[in-house]
């Protein structure tokens, strides 16, 4: 089975995170777990990649962080939520993906036409 190159997927980490935050605020470990589950473990985001994305998107105003206490354990945990600018960025990236997919599919041969 082919693996997804981290170079190929890197540009889509933000869209994965924003998509998950559209539903509910969440924290790093939960987001990485959801990405792993939704991709059926075909993509596992590295912790450093995830937190770099959080830092970059917070700096750009797409998400904001807040500290909340974990009710079960009483420890403080940093959560992230999407901002309106993040919603708009997500919509723009979604439109960009549709166009990108359309272009790339022009160059992907189906199995029957391979030599």
PDB file of N, CA and C in Angstrom:
ATOM      1  N   UNK A   1       0.840  -1.188   0.000  1.00  0.00           N
ATOM      2  CA  UNK A   1       0.000   0.000   0.000  1.00  0.00           C
ATOM      3  C   UNK A   1       0.885   1.251   0.000  1.00  0.00           C
ATOM      4  N   UNK A   2       0.536   2.221  -0.795  1.00  0.00           N
ATOM      5  CA  UNK A   2       1.305   3.461  -0.875  1.00  0.00           C
ATOM      6  C   UNK A   2       1.084   4.308   0.377  1.00  0.00           C
ATOM      7  N   UNK A   3       2.122   5.030   0.760  1.00  0.00           N
ATOM      8  CA  UNK A   3       2.020   5.962   1.887  1.00  0.00           C
ATOM      9  C   UNK A   3       1.863   7.369   1.342  1.00  0.00           C
ATOM     10  N   UNK A   4       1.285   8.219   2.158  1.00  0.00           N
ATOM     11  CA  UNK A   4       1.150   9.624   1.785  1.00  0.00           C
ATOM     12  C   UNK A   4       2.442  10.328   2.195  1.00  0.00           C
ATOM     13  N   UNK A   5       3.082  10.977   1.252  1.00  0.00           N
ATOM     14  CA  UNK A   5       4.304  11.722   1.527  1.00  0.00           C
ATOM     15  C   UNK A   5       3.980  12.921   2.413  1.00  0.00           C
ATOM     16  N   UNK A   6       4.815  13.144   3.426  1.00  0.00           N
ATOM     17  CA  UNK A   6       4.583  14.296   4.302  1.00  0.00           C
ATOM     18  C   UNK A   6       4.713  15.601   3.521  1.00  0.00           C
ATOM     19  N   UNK A   7       5.515  15.604   2.449  1.00  0.00           N
ATOM     20  CA  UNK A   7       5.629  16.806   1.613  1.00  0.00           C
ATOM     21  C   UNK A   7       4.313  17.124   0.917  1.00  0.00           C
ATOM     22  N   UNK A   8       3.609  16.096   0.482  1.00  0.00           N
ATOM     23  CA  UNK A   8       2.335  16.290  -0.212  1.00  0.00           C
ATOM     24  C   UNK A   8       1.269  16.783   0.752  1.00  0.00           C
ATOM     25  N   UNK A   9       1.205  16.202   1.909  1.00  0.00           N
ATOM     26  CA  UNK A   9       0.114  16.481   2.845  1.00  0.00           C
ATOM     27  C   UNK A   9       0.340  17.752   3.666  1.00  0.00           C
ATOM     28  N   UNK A  10       1.595  18.193   3.786  1.00  0.00           N
ATOM     29  CA  UNK A  10       1.937  19.321   4.658  1.00  0.00           C
ATOM     30  C   UNK A  10       1.053  20.543   4.422  1.00  0.00           C
ATOM     31  N   UNK A  11       0.783  20.844   3.179  1.00  0.00           N
ATOM     32  CA  UNK A  11      -0.014  22.023   2.860  1.00  0.00           C
ATOM     33  C   UNK A  11      -1.472  21.925   3.281  1.00  0.00           C
ATOM     34  N   UNK A  12      -1.888  20.747   3.706  1.00  0.00           N
ATOM     35  CA  UNK A  12      -3.292  20.560   4.067  1.00  0.00           C
ATOM     36  C   UNK A  12      -3.516  20.397   5.569  1.00  0.00           C
ATOM     37  N   UNK A  13      -2.451  20.444   6.350  1.00  0.00           N
ATOM     38  CA  UNK A  13      -2.607  20.305   7.799  1.00  0.00           C
ATOM     39  C   UNK A  13      -3.546  21.365   8.365  1.00  0.00           C
ATOM     40  N   UNK A  14      -3.402  22.600   7.906  1.00  0.00           N
ATOM     41  CA  UNK A  14      -4.262  23.672   8.419  1.00  0.00           C
ATOM     42  C   UNK A  14      -5.735  23.380   8.145  1.00  0.00           C
ATOM     43  N   UNK A  15      -6.033  22.904   6.943  1.00  0.00           N
ATOM     44  CA  UNK A  15      -7.431  22.630   6.597  1.00  0.00           C
ATOM     45  C   UNK A  15      -7.986  21.489   7.456  1.00  0.00           C
ATOM     46  N   UNK A  16      -7.150  20.489   7.756  1.00  0.00           N
ATOM     47  CA  UNK A  16      -7.591  19.394   8.636  1.00  0.00           C
ATOM     48  C   UNK A  16      -7.963  19.945  10.008  1.00  0.00           C
ATOM     49  N   UNK A  17      -7.083  20.764  10.561  1.00  0.00           N
ATOM     50  CA  UNK A  17      -7.296  21.320  11.900  1.00  0.00           C
ATOM     51  C   UNK A  17      -8.509  22.237  11.917  1.00  0.00           C
ATOM     52  N   UNK A  18      -8.593  23.130  10.943  1.00  0.00           N
ATOM     53  CA  UNK A  18      -9.725  24.057  10.904  1.00  0.00           C
ATOM     54  C   UNK A  18     -11.044  23.313  10.748  1.00  0.00           C
ATOM     55  N   UNK A  19     -11.061  22.282   9.918  1.00  0.00           N
ATOM     56  CA  UNK A  19     -12.267  21.475   9.744  1.00  0.00           C
ATOM     57  C   UNK A  19     -12.738  20.914  11.089  1.00  0.00           C
ATOM     58  N   UNK A  20     -11.810  20.368  11.847  1.00  0.00           N
ATOM     59  CA  UNK A  20     -12.177  19.790  13.144  1.00  0.00           C
ATOM     60  C   UNK A  20     -12.628  20.862  14.125  1.00  0.00           C
ATOM     61  N   UNK A  21     -12.012  22.034  14.074  1.00  0.00           N
ATOM     62  CA  UNK A  21     -12.393  23.118  14.989  1.00  0.00           C
ATOM     63  C   UNK A  21     -13.702  23.786  14.585  1.00  0.00           C
ATOM     64  N   UNK A  22     -14.155  23.592  13.342  1.00  0.00           N
ATOM     65  CA  UNK A  22     -15.467  24.112  12.940  1.00  0.00           C
ATOM     66  C   UNK A  22     -16.564  23.488  13.794  1.00  0.00           C
ATOM     67  N   UNK A  23     -16.342  22.243  14.193  1.00  0.00           N
ATOM     68  CA  UNK A  23     -17.341  21.502  14.960  1.00  0.00           C
ATOM     69  C   UNK A  23     -17.338  21.890  16.432  1.00  0.00           C
ATOM     70  N   UNK A  24     -16.144  21.915  17.036  1.00  0.00           N
ATOM     71  CA  UNK A  24     -16.005  22.211  18.472  1.00  0.00           C
ATOM     72  C   UNK A  24     -14.587  22.655  18.778  1.00  0.00           C
ATOM     73  N   UNK A  25     -14.412  23.470  19.815  1.00  0.00           N
ATOM     74  CA  UNK A  25     -13.051  23.723  20.299  1.00  0.00           C
ATOM     75  C   UNK A  25     -12.440  22.390  20.742  1.00  0.00           C
ATOM     76  N   UNK A  26     -11.128  22.285  20.632  1.00  0.00           N
ATOM     77  CA  UNK A  26     -10.481  21.038  21.013  1.00  0.00           C
ATOM     78  C   UNK A  26      -9.037  21.307  21.401  1.00  0.00           C
ATOM     79  N   UNK A  27      -8.340  20.274  21.812  1.00  0.00           N
ATOM     80  CA  UNK A  27      -6.943  20.394  22.231  1.00  0.00           C
ATOM     81  C   UNK A  27      -6.084  19.470  21.364  1.00  0.00           C
ATOM     82  N   UNK A  28      -4.794  19.676  21.423  1.00  0.00           N
ATOM     83  CA  UNK A  28      -3.861  19.023  20.524  1.00  0.00           C
ATOM     84  C   UNK A  28      -3.999  17.529  20.403  1.00  0.00           C
ATOM     85  N   UNK A  29      -3.952  16.807  21.512  1.00  0.00           N
ATOM     86  CA  UNK A  29      -3.993  15.355  21.445  1.00  0.00           C
ATOM     87  C   UNK A  29      -5.284  14.866  20.794  1.00  0.00           C
ATOM     88  N   UNK A  30      -6.386  15.488  21.149  1.00  0.00           N
ATOM     89  CA  UNK A  30      -7.687  15.082  20.589  1.00  0.00           C
ATOM     90  C   UNK A  30      -7.730  15.339  19.085  1.00  0.00           C
ATOM     91  N   UNK A  31      -7.185  16.460  18.654  1.00  0.00           N
ATOM     92  CA  UNK A  31      -7.163  16.780  17.227  1.00  0.00           C
ATOM     93  C   UNK A  31      -6.312  15.768  16.472  1.00  0.00           C
ATOM     94  N   UNK A  32      -5.140  15.434  16.999  1.00  0.00           N
ATOM     95  CA  UNK A  32      -4.288  14.456  16.313  1.00  0.00           C
ATOM     96  C   UNK A  32      -4.965  13.093  16.258  1.00  0.00           C
ATOM     97  N   UNK A  33      -5.672  12.736  17.320  1.00  0.00           N
ATOM     98  CA  UNK A  33      -6.404  11.463  17.352  1.00  0.00           C
ATOM     99  C   UNK A  33      -7.523  11.463  16.311  1.00  0.00           C
ATOM    100  N   UNK A  34      -8.230  12.577  16.172  1.00  0.00           N
ATOM    101  CA  UNK A  34      -9.311  12.663  15.189  1.00  0.00           C
ATOM    102  C   UNK A  34      -8.768  12.586  13.764  1.00  0.00           C
ATOM    103  N   UNK A  35      -7.630  13.208  13.507  1.00  0.00           N
ATOM    104  CA  UNK A  35      -7.017  13.140  12.179  1.00  0.00           C
ATOM    105  C   UNK A  35      -6.649  11.696  11.869  1.00  0.00           C
ATOM    106  N   UNK A  36      -6.054  11.035  12.822  1.00  0.00           N
ATOM    107  CA  UNK A  36      -5.669   9.628  12.636  1.00  0.00           C
ATOM    108  C   UNK A  36      -6.903   8.770  12.358  1.00  0.00           C
ATOM    109  N   UNK A  37      -7.972   8.994  13.099  1.00  0.00           N
ATOM    110  CA  UNK A  37      -9.197   8.206  12.942  1.00  0.00           C
ATOM    111  C   UNK A  37      -9.869   8.490  11.599  1.00  0.00           C
ATOM    112  N   UNK A  38     -10.041   9.764  11.269  1.00  0.00           N
ATOM    113  CA  UNK A  38     -10.719  10.126  10.019  1.00  0.00           C
ATOM    114  C   UNK A  38      -9.963   9.642   8.787  1.00  0.00           C
ATOM    115  N   UNK A  39      -8.644   9.576   8.869  1.00  0.00           N
ATOM    116  CA  UNK A  39      -7.851   9.117   7.727  1.00  0.00           C
ATOM    117  C   UNK A  39      -7.604   7.608   7.778  1.00  0.00           C
ATOM    118  N   UNK A  40      -8.263   6.946   8.712  1.00  0.00           N
ATOM    119  CA  UNK A  40      -8.094   5.502   8.895  1.00  0.00           C
ATOM    120  C   UNK A  40      -6.620   5.144   9.040  1.00  0.00           C
ATOM    121  N   UNK A  41      -5.906   5.981   9.788  1.00  0.00           N
ATOM    122  CA  UNK A  41      -4.481   5.831  10.103  1.00  0.00           C
ATOM    123  C   UNK A  41      -3.570   5.885   8.874  1.00  0.00           C
ATOM    124  N   UNK A  42      -4.075   6.470   7.792  1.00  0.00           N
ATOM    125  CA  UNK A  42      -3.239   6.666   6.609  1.00  0.00           C
ATOM    126  C   UNK A  42      -2.370   7.909   6.770  1.00  0.00           C
ATOM    127  N   UNK A  43      -2.755   8.776   7.689  1.00  0.00           N
ATOM    128  CA  UNK A  43      -1.952   9.965   7.993  1.00  0.00           C
ATOM    129  C   UNK A  43      -1.962  10.180   9.495  1.00  0.00           C
ATOM    130  N   UNK A  44      -0.767  10.253  10.043  1.00  0.00           N
ATOM    131  CA  UNK A  44      -0.604  10.533  11.472  1.00  0.00           C
ATOM    132  C   UNK A  44       0.236  11.794  11.572  1.00  0.00           C
ATOM    133  N   UNK A  45      -0.378  12.847  12.094  1.00  0.00           N
ATOM    134  CA  UNK A  45       0.307  14.131  12.182  1.00  0.00           C
ATOM    135  C   UNK A  45       1.292  14.097  13.350  1.00  0.00           C
ATOM    136  N   UNK A  46       2.490  14.575  13.113  1.00  0.00           N
ATOM    137  CA  UNK A  46       3.507  14.622  14.162  1.00  0.00           C
ATOM    138  C   UNK A  46       3.171  15.750  15.132  1.00  0.00           C
ATOM    139  N   UNK A  47       3.521  15.540  16.393  1.00  0.00           N
ATOM    140  CA  UNK A  47       3.222  16.530  17.429  1.00  0.00           C
ATOM    141  C   UNK A  47       3.861  17.880  17.102  1.00  0.00           C
ATOM    142  N   UNK A  48       5.104  17.875  16.651  1.00  0.00           N
ATOM    143  CA  UNK A  48       5.767  19.143  16.325  1.00  0.00           C
ATOM    144  C   UNK A  48       5.069  19.845  15.162  1.00  0.00           C
ATOM    145  N   UNK A  49       4.607  19.087  14.191  1.00  0.00           N
ATOM    146  CA  UNK A  49       3.881  19.655  13.050  1.00  0.00           C
ATOM    147  C   UNK A  49       2.572  20.284  13.518  1.00  0.00           C
ATOM    148  N   UNK A  50       1.874  19.576  14.393  1.00  0.00           N
ATOM    149  CA  UNK A  50       0.592  20.047  14.904  1.00  0.00           C
ATOM    150  C   UNK A  50       0.753  21.362  15.666  1.00  0.00           C
ATOM    151  N   UNK A  51       1.722  21.412  16.588  1.00  0.00           N
ATOM    152  CA  UNK A  51       1.882  22.613  17.403  1.00  0.00           C
ATOM    153  C   UNK A  51       2.474  23.772  16.612  1.00  0.00           C
ATOM    154  N   UNK A  52       3.264  23.483  15.586  1.00  0.00           N
ATOM    155  CA  UNK A  52       3.735  24.546  14.687  1.00  0.00           C
ATOM    156  C   UNK A  52       2.551  25.147  13.939  1.00  0.00           C
ATOM    157  N   UNK A  53       1.633  24.289  13.512  1.00  0.00           N
ATOM    158  CA  UNK A  53       0.422  24.762  12.814  1.00  0.00           C
ATOM    159  C   UNK A  53      -0.427  25.622  13.752  1.00  0.00           C
ATOM    160  N   UNK A  54      -0.585  25.181  15.005  1.00  0.00           N
ATOM    161  CA  UNK A  54      -1.346  25.980  15.974  1.00  0.00           C
ATOM    162  C   UNK A  54      -0.723  27.373  16.123  1.00  0.00           C
ATOM    163  N   UNK A  55       0.597  27.416  16.296  1.00  0.00           N
ATOM    164  CA  UNK A  55       1.297  28.692  16.489  1.00  0.00           C
ATOM    165  C   UNK A  55       1.110  29.599  15.285  1.00  0.00           C
ATOM    166  N   UNK A  56       1.309  29.048  14.092  1.00  0.00           N
ATOM    167  CA  UNK A  56       1.185  29.825  12.857  1.00  0.00           C
ATOM    168  C   UNK A  56      -0.245  30.335  12.665  1.00  0.00           C
ATOM    169  N   UNK A  57      -1.224  29.440  12.871  1.00  0.00           N
ATOM    170  CA  UNK A  57      -2.620  29.853  12.648  1.00  0.00           C
ATOM    171  C   UNK A  57      -3.092  30.840  13.701  1.00  0.00           C
ATOM    172  N   UNK A  58      -2.586  30.716  14.917  1.00  0.00           N
ATOM    173  CA  UNK A  58      -2.961  31.692  15.957  1.00  0.00           C
ATOM    174  C   UNK A  58      -2.352  33.054  15.618  1.00  0.00           C
ATOM    175  N   UNK A  59      -1.108  33.064  15.161  1.00  0.00           N
ATOM    176  CA  UNK A  59      -0.442  34.309  14.754  1.00  0.00           C
ATOM    177  C   UNK A  59      -1.203  34.978  13.616  1.00  0.00           C
ATOM    178  N   UNK A  60      -1.753  34.158  12.682  1.00  0.00           N
ATOM    179  CA  UNK A  60      -2.510  34.687  11.541  1.00  0.00           C
ATOM    180  C   UNK A  60      -3.961  35.031  11.884  1.00  0.00           C
ATOM    181  N   UNK A  61      -4.372  34.748  13.104  1.00  0.00           N
ATOM    182  CA  UNK A  61      -5.729  35.087  13.529  1.00  0.00           C
ATOM    183  C   UNK A  61      -6.794  34.085  13.127  1.00  0.00           C
ATOM    184  N   UNK A  62      -6.386  32.869  12.699  1.00  0.00           N
ATOM    185  CA  UNK A  62      -7.347  31.861  12.264  1.00  0.00           C
ATOM    186  C   UNK A  62      -7.910  31.042  13.418  1.00  0.00           C
ATOM    187  N   UNK A  63      -7.146  30.939  14.498  1.00  0.00           N
ATOM    188  CA  UNK A  63      -7.604  30.234  15.698  1.00  0.00           C
ATOM    189  C   UNK A  63      -7.190  31.048  16.913  1.00  0.00           C
ATOM    190  N   UNK A  64      -7.793  30.733  18.025  1.00  0.00           N
ATOM    191  CA  UNK A  64      -7.361  31.333  19.290  1.00  0.00           C
ATOM    192  C   UNK A  64      -7.315  30.237  20.342  1.00  0.00           C
ATOM    193  N   UNK A  65      -6.400  30.409  21.266  1.00  0.00           N
ATOM    194  CA  UNK A  65      -6.247  29.407  22.314  1.00  0.00           C
ATOM    195  C   UNK A  65      -6.837  29.937  23.618  1.00  0.00           C
ATOM    196  N   UNK A  66      -7.236  29.001  24.448  1.00  0.00           N
ATOM    197  CA  UNK A  66      -7.694  29.348  25.786  1.00  0.00           C
ATOM    198  C   UNK A  66      -7.393  28.166  26.696  1.00  0.00           C
ATOM    199  N   UNK A  67      -7.221  28.463  27.971  1.00  0.00           N
ATOM    200  CA  UNK A  67      -6.905  27.415  28.934  1.00  0.00           C
ATOM    201  C   UNK A  67      -8.169  27.051  29.685  1.00  0.00           C
ATOM    202  N   UNK A  68      -8.383  25.762  29.817  1.00  0.00           N
ATOM    203  CA  UNK A  68      -9.549  25.254  30.541  1.00  0.00           C
ATOM    204  C   UNK A  68      -9.077  24.098  31.404  1.00  0.00           C
ATOM    205  N   UNK A  69      -9.793  23.863  32.461  1.00  0.00           N
ATOM    206  CA  UNK A  69      -9.445  22.740  33.310  1.00  0.00           C
ATOM    207  C   UNK A  69     -10.146  21.493  32.821  1.00  0.00           C
ATOM    208  N   UNK A  70      -9.387  20.423  32.743  1.00  0.00           N
ATOM    209  CA  UNK A  70      -9.932  19.123  32.382  1.00  0.00           C
ATOM    210  C   UNK A  70     -10.788  18.666  33.562  1.00  0.00           C
ATOM    211  N   UNK A  71     -12.072  18.463  33.312  1.00  0.00           N
ATOM    212  CA  UNK A  71     -12.985  18.118  34.403  1.00  0.00           C
ATOM    213  C   UNK A  71     -12.623  16.795  35.067  1.00  0.00           C
ATOM    214  N   UNK A  72     -12.146  15.850  34.297  1.00  0.00           N
ATOM    215  CA  UNK A  72     -11.845  14.538  34.858  1.00  0.00           C
ATOM    216  C   UNK A  72     -10.618  14.580  35.760  1.00  0.00           C
ATOM    217  N   UNK A  73      -9.559  15.239  35.288  1.00  0.00           N
ATOM    218  CA  UNK A  73      -8.311  15.204  36.041  1.00  0.00           C
ATOM    219  C   UNK A  73      -7.987  16.486  36.780  1.00  0.00           C
ATOM    220  N   UNK A  74      -8.703  17.556  36.501  1.00  0.00           N
ATOM    221  CA  UNK A  74      -8.461  18.818  37.163  1.00  0.00           C
ATOM    222  C   UNK A  74      -7.215  19.537  36.678  1.00  0.00           C
ATOM    223  N   UNK A  75      -6.544  19.028  35.630  1.00  0.00           N
ATOM    224  CA  UNK A  75      -5.355  19.714  35.137  1.00  0.00           C
ATOM    225  C   UNK A  75      -5.734  20.710  34.048  1.00  0.00           C
ATOM    226  N   UNK A  76      -4.933  21.735  33.902  1.00  0.00           N
ATOM    227  CA  UNK A  76      -5.211  22.754  32.896  1.00  0.00           C
ATOM    228  C   UNK A  76      -4.764  22.260  31.527  1.00  0.00           C
ATOM    229  N   UNK A  77      -5.578  22.552  30.534  1.00  0.00           N
ATOM    230  CA  UNK A  77      -5.309  22.102  29.173  1.00  0.00           C
ATOM    231  C   UNK A  77      -5.564  23.271  28.223  1.00  0.00           C
ATOM    232  N   UNK A  78      -4.709  23.416  27.217  1.00  0.00           N
ATOM    233  CA  UNK A  78      -4.881  24.468  26.218  1.00  0.00           C
ATOM    234  C   UNK A  78      -5.789  23.956  25.104  1.00  0.00           C
ATOM    235  N   UNK A  79      -6.868  24.678  24.893  1.00  0.00           N
ATOM    236  CA  UNK A  79      -7.826  24.374  23.829  1.00  0.00           C
ATOM    237  C   UNK A  79      -7.666  25.418  22.732  1.00  0.00           C
ATOM    238  N   UNK A  80      -8.163  25.056  21.554  1.00  0.00           N
ATOM    239  CA  UNK A  80      -8.150  25.966  20.408  1.00  0.00           C
ATOM    240  C   UNK A  80      -9.548  26.045  19.828  1.00  0.00           C
ATOM    241  N   UNK A  81      -9.897  27.246  19.358  1.00  0.00           N
ATOM    242  CA  UNK A  81     -11.178  27.425  18.664  1.00  0.00           C
ATOM    243  C   UNK A  81     -10.928  28.261  17.420  1.00  0.00           C
ATOM    244  N   UNK A  82     -11.767  28.032  16.431  1.00  0.00           N
ATOM    245  CA  UNK A  82     -11.639  28.735  15.159  1.00  0.00           C
ATOM    246  C   UNK A  82     -12.250  30.127  15.299  1.00  0.00           C
ATOM    247  N   UNK A  83     -11.657  31.101  14.637  1.00  0.00           N
ATOM    248  CA  UNK A  83     -12.187  32.465  14.613  1.00  0.00           C
ATOM    249  C   UNK A  83     -12.954  32.663  13.297  1.00  0.00           C
ATOM    250  N   UNK A  84     -13.611  33.798  13.163  1.00  0.00           N
ATOM    251  CA  UNK A  84     -14.303  34.086  11.901  1.00  0.00           C
ATOM    252  C   UNK A  84     -13.302  34.156  10.754  1.00  0.00           C
ATOM    253  N   UNK A  85     -12.127  34.725  11.012  1.00  0.00           N
ATOM    254  CA  UNK A  85     -11.084  34.757   9.977  1.00  0.00           C
ATOM    255  C   UNK A  85     -10.676  33.333   9.604  1.00  0.00           C
ATOM    256  N   UNK A  86     -10.660  32.441  10.573  1.00  0.00           N
ATOM    257  CA  UNK A  86     -10.341  31.038  10.314  1.00  0.00           C
ATOM    258  C   UNK A  86     -11.400  30.363   9.463  1.00  0.00           C
ATOM    259  N   UNK A  87     -12.660  30.692   9.712  1.00  0.00           N
ATOM    260  CA  UNK A  87     -13.762  30.145   8.904  1.00  0.00           C
ATOM    261  C   UNK A  87     -13.593  30.601   7.452  1.00  0.00           C
ATOM    262  N   UNK A  88     -13.291  31.868   7.264  1.00  0.00           N
ATOM    263  CA  UNK A  88     -13.106  32.402   5.909  1.00  0.00           C
ATOM    264  C   UNK A  88     -11.885  31.758   5.243  1.00  0.00           C
ATOM    265  N   UNK A  89     -10.814  31.565   5.998  1.00  0.00           N
ATOM    266  CA  UNK A  89      -9.615  30.914   5.466  1.00  0.00           C
ATOM    267  C   UNK A  89      -9.934  29.477   5.069  1.00  0.00           C
ATOM    268  N   UNK A  90     -10.690  28.782   5.903  1.00  0.00           N
ATOM    269  CA  UNK A  90     -11.094  27.403   5.598  1.00  0.00           C
ATOM    270  C   UNK A  90     -11.884  27.358   4.284  1.00  0.00           C
ATOM    271  N   UNK A  91     -12.833  28.268   4.128  1.00  0.00           N
ATOM    272  CA  UNK A  91     -13.645  28.304   2.900  1.00  0.00           C
ATOM    273  C   UNK A  91     -12.773  28.540   1.672  1.00  0.00           C
ATOM    274  N   UNK A  92     -11.811  29.459   1.795  1.00  0.00           N
ATOM    275  CA  UNK A  92     -10.915  29.753   0.675  1.00  0.00           C
ATOM    276  C   UNK A  92     -10.040  28.544   0.341  1.00  0.00           C
ATOM    277  N   UNK A  93      -9.522  27.862   1.369  1.00  0.00           N
ATOM    278  CA  UNK A  93      -8.685  26.687   1.146  1.00  0.00           C
ATOM    279  C   UNK A  93      -9.497  25.531   0.567  1.00  0.00           C
ATOM    280  N   UNK A  94     -10.749  25.439   0.952  1.00  0.00           N
ATOM    281  CA  UNK A  94     -11.627  24.403   0.397  1.00  0.00           C
ATOM    282  C   UNK A  94     -11.828  24.644  -1.101  1.00  0.00           C
ATOM    283  N   UNK A  95     -12.078  25.889  -1.482  1.00  0.00           N
ATOM    284  CA  UNK A  95     -12.231  26.229  -2.901  1.00  0.00           C
ATOM    285  C   UNK A  95     -10.929  25.970  -3.660  1.00  0.00           C
ATOM    286  N   UNK A  96      -9.801  26.316  -3.037  1.00  0.00           N
ATOM    287  CA  UNK A  96      -8.506  26.060  -3.657  1.00  0.00           C
ATOM    288  C   UNK A  96      -8.301  24.563  -3.872  1.00  0.00           C
ATOM    289  N   UNK A  97      -8.733  23.742  -2.895  1.00  0.00           N
ATOM    290  CA  UNK A  97      -8.584  22.291  -3.023  1.00  0.00           C
ATOM    291  C   UNK A  97      -9.390  21.761  -4.208  1.00  0.00           C
ATOM    292  N   UNK A  98     -10.592  22.246  -4.391  1.00  0.00           N
ATOM    293  CA  UNK A  98     -11.433  21.790  -5.499  1.00  0.00           C
ATOM    294  C   UNK A  98     -10.723  22.056  -6.822  1.00  0.00           C
ATOM    295  N   UNK A  99     -10.160  23.243  -6.961  1.00  0.00           N
ATOM    296  CA  UNK A  99      -9.439  23.597  -8.175  1.00  0.00           C
ATOM    297  C   UNK A  99      -8.164  22.753  -8.317  1.00  0.00           C
ATOM    298  N   UNK A 100      -7.419  22.593  -7.231  1.00  0.00           N
ATOM    299  CA  UNK A 100      -6.190  21.792  -7.251  1.00  0.00           C
ATOM    300  C   UNK A 100      -6.485  20.359  -7.669  1.00  0.00           C
ATOM    301  N   UNK A 101      -7.508  19.782  -7.084  1.00  0.00           N
ATOM    302  CA  UNK A 101      -7.891  18.408  -7.398  1.00  0.00           C
ATOM    303  C   UNK A 101      -8.257  18.282  -8.880  1.00  0.00           C
ATOM    304  N   UNK A 102      -8.994  19.264  -9.384  1.00  0.00           N
ATOM    305  CA  UNK A 102      -9.391  19.256 -10.797  1.00  0.00           C
ATOM    306  C   UNK A 102      -8.165  19.266 -11.708  1.00  0.00           C
ATOM    307  N   UNK A 103      -7.173  20.084 -11.374  1.00  0.00           N
ATOM    308  CA  UNK A 103      -5.960  20.181 -12.185  1.00  0.00           C
ATOM    309  C   UNK A 103      -5.145  18.896 -12.083  1.00  0.00           C
ATOM    310  N   UNK A 104      -4.911  18.405 -10.898  1.00  0.00           N
ATOM    311  CA  UNK A 104      -4.089  17.208 -10.702  1.00  0.00           C
ATOM    312  C   UNK A 104      -4.720  15.994 -11.380  1.00  0.00           C
ATOM    313  N   UNK A 105      -6.035  15.888 -11.305  1.00  0.00           N
ATOM    314  CA  UNK A 105      -6.704  14.736 -11.918  1.00  0.00           C
ATOM    315  C   UNK A 105      -6.496  14.675 -13.428  1.00  0.00           C
ATOM    316  N   UNK A 106      -6.176  15.788 -14.049  1.00  0.00           N
ATOM    317  CA  UNK A 106      -5.888  15.803 -15.493  1.00  0.00           C
ATOM    318  C   UNK A 106      -4.624  15.004 -15.814  1.00  0.00           C
ATOM    319  N   UNK A 107      -3.759  14.829 -14.811  1.00  0.00           N
ATOM    320  CA  UNK A 107      -2.468  14.172 -15.021  1.00  0.00           C
ATOM    321  C   UNK A 107      -2.368  12.805 -14.354  1.00  0.00           C
ATOM    322  N   UNK A 108      -3.449  12.315 -13.793  1.00  0.00           N
ATOM    323  CA  UNK A 108      -3.458  11.011 -13.151  1.00  0.00           C
ATOM    324  C   UNK A 108      -4.149  10.020 -14.083  1.00  0.00           C
ATOM    325  N   UNK A 109      -3.369   9.080 -14.572  1.00  0.00           N
ATOM    326  CA  UNK A 109      -3.912   8.081 -15.495  1.00  0.00           C
ATOM    327  C   UNK A 109      -4.639   7.003 -14.694  1.00  0.00           C
ATOM    328  N   UNK A 110      -5.734   6.504 -15.252  1.00  0.00           N
ATOM    329  CA  UNK A 110      -6.396   5.397 -14.573  1.00  0.00           C
ATOM    330  C   UNK A 110      -5.617   4.109 -14.850  1.00  0.00           C
ATOM    331  N   UNK A 111      -5.837   3.123 -14.032  1.00  0.00           N
ATOM    332  CA  UNK A 111      -5.090   1.868 -14.051  1.00  0.00           C
ATOM    333  C   UNK A 111      -5.016   1.240 -15.438  1.00  0.00           C
ATOM    334  N   UNK A 112      -6.100   1.307 -16.177  1.00  0.00           N
ATOM    335  CA  UNK A 112      -6.157   0.676 -17.481  1.00  0.00           C
ATOM    336  C   UNK A 112      -5.263   1.309 -18.533  1.00  0.00           C
ATOM    337  N   UNK A 113      -4.903   2.587 -18.343  1.00  0.00           N
ATOM    338  CA  UNK A 113      -4.101   3.256 -19.359  1.00  0.00           C
ATOM    339  C   UNK A 113      -2.612   3.296 -19.029  1.00  0.00           C
ATOM    340  N   UNK A 114      -2.223   2.659 -17.939  1.00  0.00           N
ATOM    341  CA  UNK A 114      -0.802   2.604 -17.596  1.00  0.00           C
ATOM    342  C   UNK A 114      -0.085   1.576 -18.444  1.00  0.00           C
ATOM    343  N   UNK A 115       1.134   1.856 -18.793  1.00  0.00           N
ATOM    344  CA  UNK A 115       1.924   0.934 -19.628  1.00  0.00           C
ATOM    345  C   UNK A 115       2.318  -0.304 -18.866  1.00  0.00           C
TER     346      UNK A 115
END
